[in-house]
Amino acid sequence: MWIKAILPFGVLALAFVPRAAGTSAPPPAPTAAAPFFTTICRDGELPVSRPDPAWVATSFSDDGCRLAPVPAAINGAAVPREKIVAAMAESKRYEAAAAAFGQCVSAFVAAHAQGQKRLTAAQAIIENHRLLAAQKSREAAASQMRAAIEAFNEYGIDCSG
């Protein structure tokens, strides 16, 4: 009984105990293990989110749908016009391939929505995630290309000659 009555006063008393000036706890020592997630934001660049696992782009449940690899980002301020034009063509090919992937997955889900080989709830969720991941990668590839074109137009035009 006395402990219940005295404990709150003891906690309050500790809160008001004066501390020596300039003393603080030492900073925590860095751990040897690498962090599970690393920082991905870079100053002056497009933010890139954590990539989806490789299985998202591969065939799932024998649907026969595979997502093409995302084109590599280029620095528009440091490449010649020919590389920008080639990257634009590669970006258009990727856009078409990603659209075909989305249509393939949608057709597979629609074909298995009824009948004997219906998708389980988990399979439907995974197929939906694959569609969303493909849409996200399409948008990221398009924004990377826009940024490269803007950088080229701003800094990369060769006016010598």
N, C-alpha and C. Protein backbone atom coordinates (compact mmCIF):
# COMPACT_ATOMS: atom_id res chain seq x y z
N MET A 1 0.81 -1.18 0.00
CA MET A 1 0.00 0.00 0.00
C MET A 1 0.86 1.26 0.00
N TRP A 2 1.89 1.26 0.86
CA TRP A 2 2.76 2.44 0.92
C TRP A 2 3.54 2.61 -0.37
N ILE A 3 3.88 1.51 -1.02
CA ILE A 3 4.66 1.61 -2.27
C ILE A 3 3.82 2.30 -3.34
N LYS A 4 2.56 1.99 -3.41
CA LYS A 4 1.70 2.63 -4.40
C LYS A 4 1.59 4.13 -4.16
N ALA A 5 1.64 4.53 -2.90
CA ALA A 5 1.51 5.95 -2.57
C ALA A 5 2.85 6.68 -2.73
N ILE A 6 3.96 6.03 -2.45
CA ILE A 6 5.27 6.69 -2.47
C ILE A 6 5.89 6.68 -3.87
N LEU A 7 5.65 5.67 -4.68
CA LEU A 7 6.28 5.54 -5.99
C LEU A 7 6.08 6.76 -6.88
N PRO A 8 4.88 7.33 -7.02
CA PRO A 8 4.74 8.52 -7.86
C PRO A 8 5.56 9.70 -7.37
N PHE A 9 5.70 9.86 -6.05
CA PHE A 9 6.51 10.97 -5.52
C PHE A 9 7.99 10.76 -5.82
N GLY A 10 8.44 9.51 -5.78
CA GLY A 10 9.84 9.21 -6.09
C GLY A 10 10.16 9.50 -7.54
N VAL A 11 9.26 9.17 -8.44
CA VAL A 11 9.46 9.44 -9.86
C VAL A 11 9.49 10.94 -10.11
N LEU A 12 8.59 11.69 -9.47
CA LEU A 12 8.59 13.13 -9.62
C LEU A 12 9.84 13.75 -9.04
N ALA A 13 10.33 13.23 -7.94
CA ALA A 13 11.55 13.76 -7.33
C ALA A 13 12.74 13.55 -8.26
N LEU A 14 12.83 12.42 -8.90
CA LEU A 14 13.93 12.16 -9.83
C LEU A 14 13.88 13.10 -11.03
N ALA A 15 12.70 13.49 -11.43
CA ALA A 15 12.58 14.39 -12.58
C ALA A 15 13.13 15.77 -12.28
N PHE A 16 13.14 16.17 -11.01
CA PHE A 16 13.60 17.51 -10.65
C PHE A 16 15.00 17.54 -10.05
N VAL A 17 15.71 16.42 -10.06
CA VAL A 17 17.07 16.38 -9.54
C VAL A 17 17.96 17.15 -10.51
N PRO A 18 18.75 18.12 -10.00
CA PRO A 18 19.62 18.88 -10.91
C PRO A 18 20.71 17.99 -11.48
N ARG A 19 21.03 18.22 -12.74
CA ARG A 19 22.08 17.45 -13.43
C ARG A 19 23.26 18.35 -13.65
N ALA A 20 24.42 17.76 -13.72
CA ALA A 20 25.64 18.53 -13.97
C ALA A 20 25.59 19.12 -15.37
N ALA A 21 26.02 20.36 -15.50
CA ALA A 21 25.98 21.03 -16.80
C ALA A 21 27.01 20.42 -17.74
N GLY A 22 26.62 20.27 -18.99
CA GLY A 22 27.54 19.78 -20.02
C GLY A 22 27.69 18.28 -20.07
N THR A 23 27.06 17.56 -19.21
CA THR A 23 27.17 16.11 -19.28
C THR A 23 25.94 15.56 -19.95
N SER A 24 26.18 14.76 -20.90
CA SER A 24 25.07 14.09 -21.58
C SER A 24 25.50 12.69 -21.92
N ALA A 25 24.57 11.91 -22.30
CA ALA A 25 24.87 10.53 -22.65
C ALA A 25 25.72 10.50 -23.92
N PRO A 26 26.68 9.59 -23.99
CA PRO A 26 27.50 9.52 -25.21
C PRO A 26 26.65 9.07 -26.39
N PRO A 27 27.02 9.49 -27.59
CA PRO A 27 26.24 9.06 -28.76
C PRO A 27 26.35 7.56 -28.94
N PRO A 28 25.33 6.94 -29.48
CA PRO A 28 25.38 5.50 -29.68
C PRO A 28 26.46 5.13 -30.69
N ALA A 29 27.11 4.03 -30.43
CA ALA A 29 28.16 3.56 -31.33
C ALA A 29 27.52 2.96 -32.58
N PRO A 30 28.14 3.18 -33.74
CA PRO A 30 27.57 2.59 -34.96
C PRO A 30 27.68 1.08 -34.90
N THR A 31 26.67 0.43 -35.44
CA THR A 31 26.67 -1.03 -35.45
C THR A 31 27.46 -1.53 -36.65
N ALA A 32 27.96 -2.72 -36.53
CA ALA A 32 28.76 -3.30 -37.60
C ALA A 32 27.89 -3.77 -38.76
N ALA A 33 26.67 -4.16 -38.47
CA ALA A 33 25.78 -4.66 -39.53
C ALA A 33 25.24 -3.50 -40.36
N ALA A 34 25.09 -3.75 -41.64
CA ALA A 34 24.51 -2.73 -42.53
C ALA A 34 23.02 -2.61 -42.25
N PRO A 35 22.46 -1.42 -42.41
CA PRO A 35 21.02 -1.27 -42.18
C PRO A 35 20.23 -2.04 -43.23
N PHE A 36 19.04 -2.47 -42.84
CA PHE A 36 18.20 -3.25 -43.74
C PHE A 36 17.74 -2.40 -44.92
N PHE A 37 17.32 -1.17 -44.65
CA PHE A 37 16.94 -0.25 -45.71
C PHE A 37 17.92 0.91 -45.70
N THR A 38 18.34 1.32 -46.85
CA THR A 38 19.28 2.43 -46.93
C THR A 38 18.55 3.67 -47.42
N THR A 39 19.18 4.81 -47.22
CA THR A 39 18.61 6.06 -47.68
C THR A 39 18.67 6.08 -49.21
N ILE A 40 17.59 6.53 -49.83
CA ILE A 40 17.53 6.49 -51.29
C ILE A 40 17.40 7.85 -51.92
N CYS A 41 17.12 8.88 -51.14
CA CYS A 41 16.92 10.20 -51.71
C CYS A 41 18.27 10.83 -52.03
N ARG A 42 18.36 11.47 -53.15
CA ARG A 42 19.58 12.15 -53.55
C ARG A 42 19.22 13.57 -53.89
N ASP A 43 20.12 14.48 -53.57
CA ASP A 43 19.88 15.89 -53.83
C ASP A 43 19.96 16.15 -55.32
N GLY A 44 18.97 16.79 -55.87
CA GLY A 44 19.00 17.18 -57.27
C GLY A 44 18.61 16.09 -58.24
N GLU A 45 18.21 14.92 -57.76
CA GLU A 45 17.82 13.84 -58.65
C GLU A 45 16.38 13.43 -58.34
N LEU A 46 15.84 12.64 -59.21
CA LEU A 46 14.49 12.11 -58.96
C LEU A 46 14.56 11.12 -57.80
N PRO A 47 13.61 11.17 -56.90
CA PRO A 47 13.62 10.17 -55.83
C PRO A 47 13.27 8.81 -56.40
N VAL A 48 14.00 7.80 -55.99
CA VAL A 48 13.77 6.45 -56.46
C VAL A 48 13.33 5.62 -55.27
N SER A 49 12.22 4.95 -55.42
CA SER A 49 11.73 4.15 -54.30
C SER A 49 12.42 2.80 -54.31
N ARG A 50 12.21 2.07 -53.25
CA ARG A 50 12.78 0.74 -53.12
C ARG A 50 12.25 -0.11 -54.27
N PRO A 51 13.13 -0.79 -54.99
CA PRO A 51 12.66 -1.57 -56.14
C PRO A 51 11.83 -2.77 -55.72
N ASP A 52 10.95 -3.19 -56.62
CA ASP A 52 10.16 -4.38 -56.36
C ASP A 52 11.04 -5.61 -56.52
N PRO A 53 10.69 -6.70 -55.86
CA PRO A 53 11.47 -7.92 -56.02
C PRO A 53 11.46 -8.41 -57.47
N ALA A 54 12.44 -9.21 -57.82
CA ALA A 54 12.57 -9.69 -59.19
C ALA A 54 11.38 -10.54 -59.63
N TRP A 55 10.73 -11.23 -58.69
CA TRP A 55 9.62 -12.10 -59.07
C TRP A 55 8.43 -11.33 -59.61
N VAL A 56 8.34 -10.04 -59.34
CA VAL A 56 7.21 -9.25 -59.84
C VAL A 56 7.23 -9.21 -61.36
N ALA A 57 8.40 -9.19 -61.96
CA ALA A 57 8.51 -9.09 -63.41
C ALA A 57 8.45 -10.44 -64.12
N THR A 58 8.54 -11.53 -63.38
CA THR A 58 8.55 -12.84 -64.01
C THR A 58 7.14 -13.42 -64.08
N SER A 59 7.03 -14.52 -64.80
CA SER A 59 5.74 -15.19 -64.96
C SER A 59 5.29 -15.75 -63.61
N PHE A 60 4.01 -15.61 -63.33
CA PHE A 60 3.46 -16.09 -62.07
C PHE A 60 2.22 -16.91 -62.36
N SER A 61 2.07 -18.01 -61.68
CA SER A 61 0.91 -18.90 -61.86
C SER A 61 0.76 -19.31 -63.32
N ASP A 62 1.86 -19.45 -64.00
CA ASP A 62 1.87 -19.84 -65.43
C ASP A 62 1.03 -18.90 -66.28
N ASP A 63 1.09 -17.60 -65.97
CA ASP A 63 0.33 -16.65 -66.78
C ASP A 63 1.06 -16.26 -68.06
N GLY A 64 2.35 -16.56 -68.15
CA GLY A 64 3.11 -16.26 -69.36
C GLY A 64 3.42 -14.78 -69.55
N CYS A 65 3.24 -13.96 -68.54
CA CYS A 65 3.46 -12.51 -68.65
C CYS A 65 4.80 -12.15 -68.00
N ARG A 66 5.64 -11.47 -68.75
CA ARG A 66 6.93 -11.02 -68.24
C ARG A 66 7.09 -9.54 -68.52
N LEU A 67 7.55 -8.82 -67.51
CA LEU A 67 7.77 -7.38 -67.64
C LEU A 67 9.19 -7.13 -68.13
N ALA A 68 9.32 -6.28 -69.12
CA ALA A 68 10.64 -5.93 -69.66
C ALA A 68 11.43 -5.15 -68.61
N PRO A 69 12.75 -5.24 -68.64
CA PRO A 69 13.54 -4.46 -67.69
C PRO A 69 13.41 -2.96 -67.95
N VAL A 70 13.45 -2.19 -66.87
CA VAL A 70 13.33 -0.73 -66.97
C VAL A 70 14.59 -0.18 -67.63
N PRO A 71 14.45 0.75 -68.57
CA PRO A 71 15.64 1.34 -69.19
C PRO A 71 16.49 2.07 -68.16
N ALA A 72 17.78 2.06 -68.39
CA ALA A 72 18.69 2.75 -67.48
C ALA A 72 18.50 4.26 -67.60
N ALA A 73 18.59 4.93 -66.46
CA ALA A 73 18.48 6.39 -66.46
C ALA A 73 19.77 6.98 -67.01
N ILE A 74 19.64 8.08 -67.73
CA ILE A 74 20.83 8.73 -68.28
C ILE A 74 20.88 10.18 -67.79
N ASN A 75 22.06 10.73 -67.80
CA ASN A 75 22.25 12.12 -67.42
C ASN A 75 22.17 12.96 -68.69
N GLY A 76 21.06 13.63 -68.87
CA GLY A 76 20.84 14.40 -70.08
C GLY A 76 21.80 15.56 -70.26
N ALA A 77 22.36 16.05 -69.17
CA ALA A 77 23.30 17.18 -69.27
C ALA A 77 24.67 16.75 -69.75
N ALA A 78 24.95 15.44 -69.75
CA ALA A 78 26.30 14.98 -70.08
C ALA A 78 26.37 14.07 -71.29
N VAL A 79 25.27 13.89 -72.02
CA VAL A 79 25.29 12.98 -73.16
C VAL A 79 25.00 13.74 -74.45
N PRO A 80 25.49 13.22 -75.56
CA PRO A 80 25.19 13.88 -76.85
C PRO A 80 23.76 13.61 -77.29
N ARG A 81 23.36 14.32 -78.30
CA ARG A 81 21.99 14.23 -78.82
C ARG A 81 21.63 12.81 -79.25
N GLU A 82 22.56 12.10 -79.85
CA GLU A 82 22.28 10.74 -80.34
C GLU A 82 21.87 9.82 -79.20
N LYS A 83 22.52 9.96 -78.04
CA LYS A 83 22.16 9.11 -76.91
C LYS A 83 20.80 9.48 -76.34
N ILE A 84 20.46 10.74 -76.36
CA ILE A 84 19.13 11.14 -75.90
C ILE A 84 18.06 10.58 -76.82
N VAL A 85 18.29 10.65 -78.12
CA VAL A 85 17.33 10.12 -79.09
C VAL A 85 17.19 8.61 -78.92
N ALA A 86 18.32 7.91 -78.72
CA ALA A 86 18.27 6.46 -78.52
C ALA A 86 17.55 6.12 -77.22
N ALA A 87 17.78 6.91 -76.17
CA ALA A 87 17.10 6.67 -74.90
C ALA A 87 15.61 6.92 -75.03
N MET A 88 15.22 7.92 -75.82
CA MET A 88 13.80 8.18 -76.05
C MET A 88 13.14 7.00 -76.76
N ALA A 89 13.82 6.43 -77.75
CA ALA A 89 13.28 5.27 -78.45
C ALA A 89 13.18 4.07 -77.52
N GLU A 90 14.18 3.87 -76.67
CA GLU A 90 14.14 2.76 -75.71
C GLU A 90 13.02 2.96 -74.70
N SER A 91 12.80 4.21 -74.31
CA SER A 91 11.72 4.52 -73.37
C SER A 91 10.35 4.22 -74.00
N LYS A 92 10.20 4.54 -75.27
CA LYS A 92 8.93 4.24 -75.96
C LYS A 92 8.72 2.74 -76.08
N ARG A 93 9.80 1.99 -76.37
CA ARG A 93 9.69 0.53 -76.45
C ARG A 93 9.29 -0.04 -75.08
N TYR A 94 9.88 0.50 -74.03
CA TYR A 94 9.54 0.03 -72.69
C TYR A 94 8.09 0.34 -72.35
N GLU A 95 7.64 1.52 -72.72
CA GLU A 95 6.24 1.90 -72.47
C GLU A 95 5.29 0.91 -73.14
N ALA A 96 5.60 0.55 -74.38
CA ALA A 96 4.76 -0.41 -75.09
C ALA A 96 4.83 -1.80 -74.45
N ALA A 97 6.03 -2.22 -74.03
CA ALA A 97 6.18 -3.53 -73.40
C ALA A 97 5.47 -3.57 -72.04
N ALA A 98 5.53 -2.48 -71.30
CA ALA A 98 4.85 -2.44 -70.00
C ALA A 98 3.33 -2.45 -70.18
N ALA A 99 2.85 -1.77 -71.21
CA ALA A 99 1.41 -1.78 -71.50
C ALA A 99 0.97 -3.19 -71.90
N ALA A 100 1.79 -3.88 -72.70
CA ALA A 100 1.47 -5.26 -73.11
C ALA A 100 1.49 -6.18 -71.89
N PHE A 101 2.41 -5.96 -70.95
CA PHE A 101 2.45 -6.75 -69.72
C PHE A 101 1.15 -6.57 -68.93
N GLY A 102 0.71 -5.33 -68.79
CA GLY A 102 -0.53 -5.06 -68.07
C GLY A 102 -1.73 -5.72 -68.74
N GLN A 103 -1.77 -5.68 -70.06
CA GLN A 103 -2.87 -6.33 -70.78
C GLN A 103 -2.81 -7.85 -70.61
N CYS A 104 -1.60 -8.39 -70.61
CA CYS A 104 -1.44 -9.84 -70.45
C CYS A 104 -1.94 -10.29 -69.08
N VAL A 105 -1.52 -9.59 -68.03
CA VAL A 105 -1.95 -9.96 -66.68
C VAL A 105 -3.47 -9.77 -66.53
N SER A 106 -3.99 -8.69 -67.08
CA SER A 106 -5.45 -8.45 -66.99
C SER A 106 -6.22 -9.54 -67.71
N ALA A 107 -5.74 -9.95 -68.88
CA ALA A 107 -6.41 -11.02 -69.62
C ALA A 107 -6.35 -12.34 -68.86
N PHE A 108 -5.22 -12.62 -68.21
CA PHE A 108 -5.08 -13.84 -67.43
C PHE A 108 -6.05 -13.85 -66.26
N VAL A 109 -6.14 -12.74 -65.55
CA VAL A 109 -7.05 -12.65 -64.41
C VAL A 109 -8.49 -12.77 -64.88
N ALA A 110 -8.84 -12.11 -65.98
CA ALA A 110 -10.20 -12.19 -66.50
C ALA A 110 -10.55 -13.61 -66.94
N ALA A 111 -9.59 -14.31 -67.54
CA ALA A 111 -9.85 -15.68 -67.98
C ALA A 111 -10.04 -16.63 -66.81
N HIS A 112 -9.41 -16.32 -65.68
CA HIS A 112 -9.52 -17.19 -64.52
C HIS A 112 -10.48 -16.65 -63.46
N ALA A 113 -11.25 -15.67 -63.81
CA ALA A 113 -12.23 -15.13 -62.86
C ALA A 113 -13.40 -16.09 -62.67
N GLN A 114 -13.66 -16.91 -63.69
CA GLN A 114 -14.75 -17.87 -63.61
C GLN A 114 -14.23 -19.20 -64.12
N GLY A 115 -14.89 -20.24 -63.79
CA GLY A 115 -14.52 -21.56 -64.27
C GLY A 115 -13.86 -22.39 -63.18
N GLN A 116 -13.26 -23.50 -63.63
CA GLN A 116 -12.68 -24.44 -62.68
C GLN A 116 -11.34 -23.96 -62.13
N LYS A 117 -10.55 -23.28 -62.93
CA LYS A 117 -9.22 -22.85 -62.49
C LYS A 117 -9.25 -21.40 -61.99
N ARG A 118 -10.13 -21.13 -61.03
CA ARG A 118 -10.23 -19.78 -60.47
C ARG A 118 -8.99 -19.47 -59.65
N LEU A 119 -8.64 -18.20 -59.63
CA LEU A 119 -7.50 -17.76 -58.83
C LEU A 119 -7.90 -17.73 -57.35
N THR A 120 -6.96 -18.09 -56.51
CA THR A 120 -7.20 -17.94 -55.08
C THR A 120 -7.09 -16.46 -54.73
N ALA A 121 -7.48 -16.12 -53.53
CA ALA A 121 -7.40 -14.71 -53.10
C ALA A 121 -5.95 -14.24 -53.11
N ALA A 122 -5.03 -15.09 -52.68
CA ALA A 122 -3.61 -14.71 -52.66
C ALA A 122 -3.09 -14.48 -54.09
N GLN A 123 -3.48 -15.35 -55.01
CA GLN A 123 -3.04 -15.18 -56.40
C GLN A 123 -3.60 -13.89 -56.99
N ALA A 124 -4.84 -13.58 -56.70
CA ALA A 124 -5.42 -12.35 -57.21
C ALA A 124 -4.72 -11.12 -56.64
N ILE A 125 -4.35 -11.17 -55.36
CA ILE A 125 -3.63 -10.05 -54.75
C ILE A 125 -2.26 -9.90 -55.39
N ILE A 126 -1.58 -11.00 -55.62
CA ILE A 126 -0.24 -10.93 -56.23
C ILE A 126 -0.33 -10.39 -57.66
N GLU A 127 -1.31 -10.85 -58.42
CA GLU A 127 -1.47 -10.34 -59.78
C GLU A 127 -1.78 -8.84 -59.76
N ASN A 128 -2.59 -8.41 -58.81
CA ASN A 128 -2.90 -6.99 -58.68
C ASN A 128 -1.62 -6.21 -58.33
N HIS A 129 -0.79 -6.76 -57.46
CA HIS A 129 0.46 -6.10 -57.11
C HIS A 129 1.37 -5.99 -58.33
N ARG A 130 1.38 -7.02 -59.14
CA ARG A 130 2.21 -6.98 -60.35
C ARG A 130 1.73 -5.88 -61.29
N LEU A 131 0.41 -5.72 -61.41
CA LEU A 131 -0.12 -4.64 -62.25
C LEU A 131 0.28 -3.27 -61.70
N LEU A 132 0.15 -3.10 -60.39
CA LEU A 132 0.52 -1.82 -59.78
C LEU A 132 2.01 -1.55 -59.90
N ALA A 133 2.84 -2.59 -59.73
CA ALA A 133 4.28 -2.41 -59.87
C ALA A 133 4.65 -2.04 -61.30
N ALA A 134 3.98 -2.63 -62.27
CA ALA A 134 4.25 -2.29 -63.66
C ALA A 134 3.86 -0.85 -63.95
N GLN A 135 2.73 -0.41 -63.42
CA GLN A 135 2.30 0.97 -63.61
C GLN A 135 3.29 1.93 -62.95
N LYS A 136 3.75 1.59 -61.76
CA LYS A 136 4.72 2.43 -61.06
C LYS A 136 6.03 2.52 -61.83
N SER A 137 6.48 1.40 -62.39
CA SER A 137 7.73 1.43 -63.14
C SER A 137 7.57 2.19 -64.46
N ARG A 138 6.39 2.12 -65.07
CA ARG A 138 6.13 2.91 -66.28
C ARG A 138 6.22 4.40 -65.98
N GLU A 139 5.59 4.80 -64.89
CA GLU A 139 5.62 6.22 -64.50
C GLU A 139 7.04 6.67 -64.15
N ALA A 140 7.79 5.81 -63.45
CA ALA A 140 9.16 6.17 -63.08
C ALA A 140 10.05 6.28 -64.31
N ALA A 141 9.89 5.37 -65.27
CA ALA A 141 10.70 5.43 -66.49
C ALA A 141 10.36 6.68 -67.29
N ALA A 142 9.07 7.02 -67.36
CA ALA A 142 8.67 8.23 -68.10
C ALA A 142 9.20 9.49 -67.43
N SER A 143 9.16 9.55 -66.11
CA SER A 143 9.66 10.75 -65.42
C SER A 143 11.18 10.84 -65.53
N GLN A 144 11.88 9.71 -65.52
CA GLN A 144 13.34 9.73 -65.72
C GLN A 144 13.68 10.25 -67.11
N MET A 145 12.90 9.84 -68.09
CA MET A 145 13.17 10.29 -69.46
C MET A 145 12.87 11.78 -69.59
N ARG A 146 11.76 12.23 -69.00
CA ARG A 146 11.45 13.67 -69.03
C ARG A 146 12.56 14.48 -68.37
N ALA A 147 13.08 13.99 -67.25
CA ALA A 147 14.15 14.71 -66.55
C ALA A 147 15.42 14.74 -67.40
N ALA A 148 15.72 13.65 -68.09
CA ALA A 148 16.91 13.62 -68.95
C ALA A 148 16.75 14.58 -70.12
N ILE A 149 15.56 14.63 -70.71
CA ILE A 149 15.33 15.55 -71.83
C ILE A 149 15.42 16.99 -71.36
N GLU A 150 14.84 17.29 -70.20
CA GLU A 150 14.92 18.65 -69.67
C GLU A 150 16.36 19.05 -69.37
N ALA A 151 17.13 18.13 -68.81
CA ALA A 151 18.53 18.41 -68.52
C ALA A 151 19.32 18.61 -69.81
N PHE A 152 19.02 17.81 -70.82
CA PHE A 152 19.70 17.97 -72.11
C PHE A 152 19.37 19.32 -72.73
N ASN A 153 18.08 19.66 -72.71
CA ASN A 153 17.67 20.94 -73.29
C ASN A 153 18.25 22.13 -72.53
N GLU A 154 18.45 21.96 -71.24
CA GLU A 154 18.96 23.05 -70.43
C GLU A 154 20.48 23.18 -70.51
N TYR A 155 21.19 22.03 -70.47
CA TYR A 155 22.65 22.06 -70.37
C TYR A 155 23.38 21.35 -71.50
N GLY A 156 22.72 20.41 -72.15
CA GLY A 156 23.46 19.53 -73.04
C GLY A 156 23.52 19.91 -74.49
N ILE A 157 22.95 21.03 -74.87
CA ILE A 157 22.94 21.42 -76.28
C ILE A 157 24.33 21.91 -76.65
N ASP A 158 24.85 21.31 -77.69
CA ASP A 158 26.19 21.70 -78.16
C ASP A 158 26.04 22.79 -79.19
N CYS A 159 26.43 24.02 -78.84
CA CYS A 159 26.28 25.14 -79.74
C CYS A 159 27.60 25.50 -80.40
N SER A 160 28.60 24.66 -80.26
CA SER A 160 29.88 24.99 -80.90
C SER A 160 29.78 24.65 -82.38
N GLY A 161 30.42 25.41 -83.15
CA GLY A 161 30.41 25.04 -84.56
C GLY A 161 30.18 26.14 -85.43
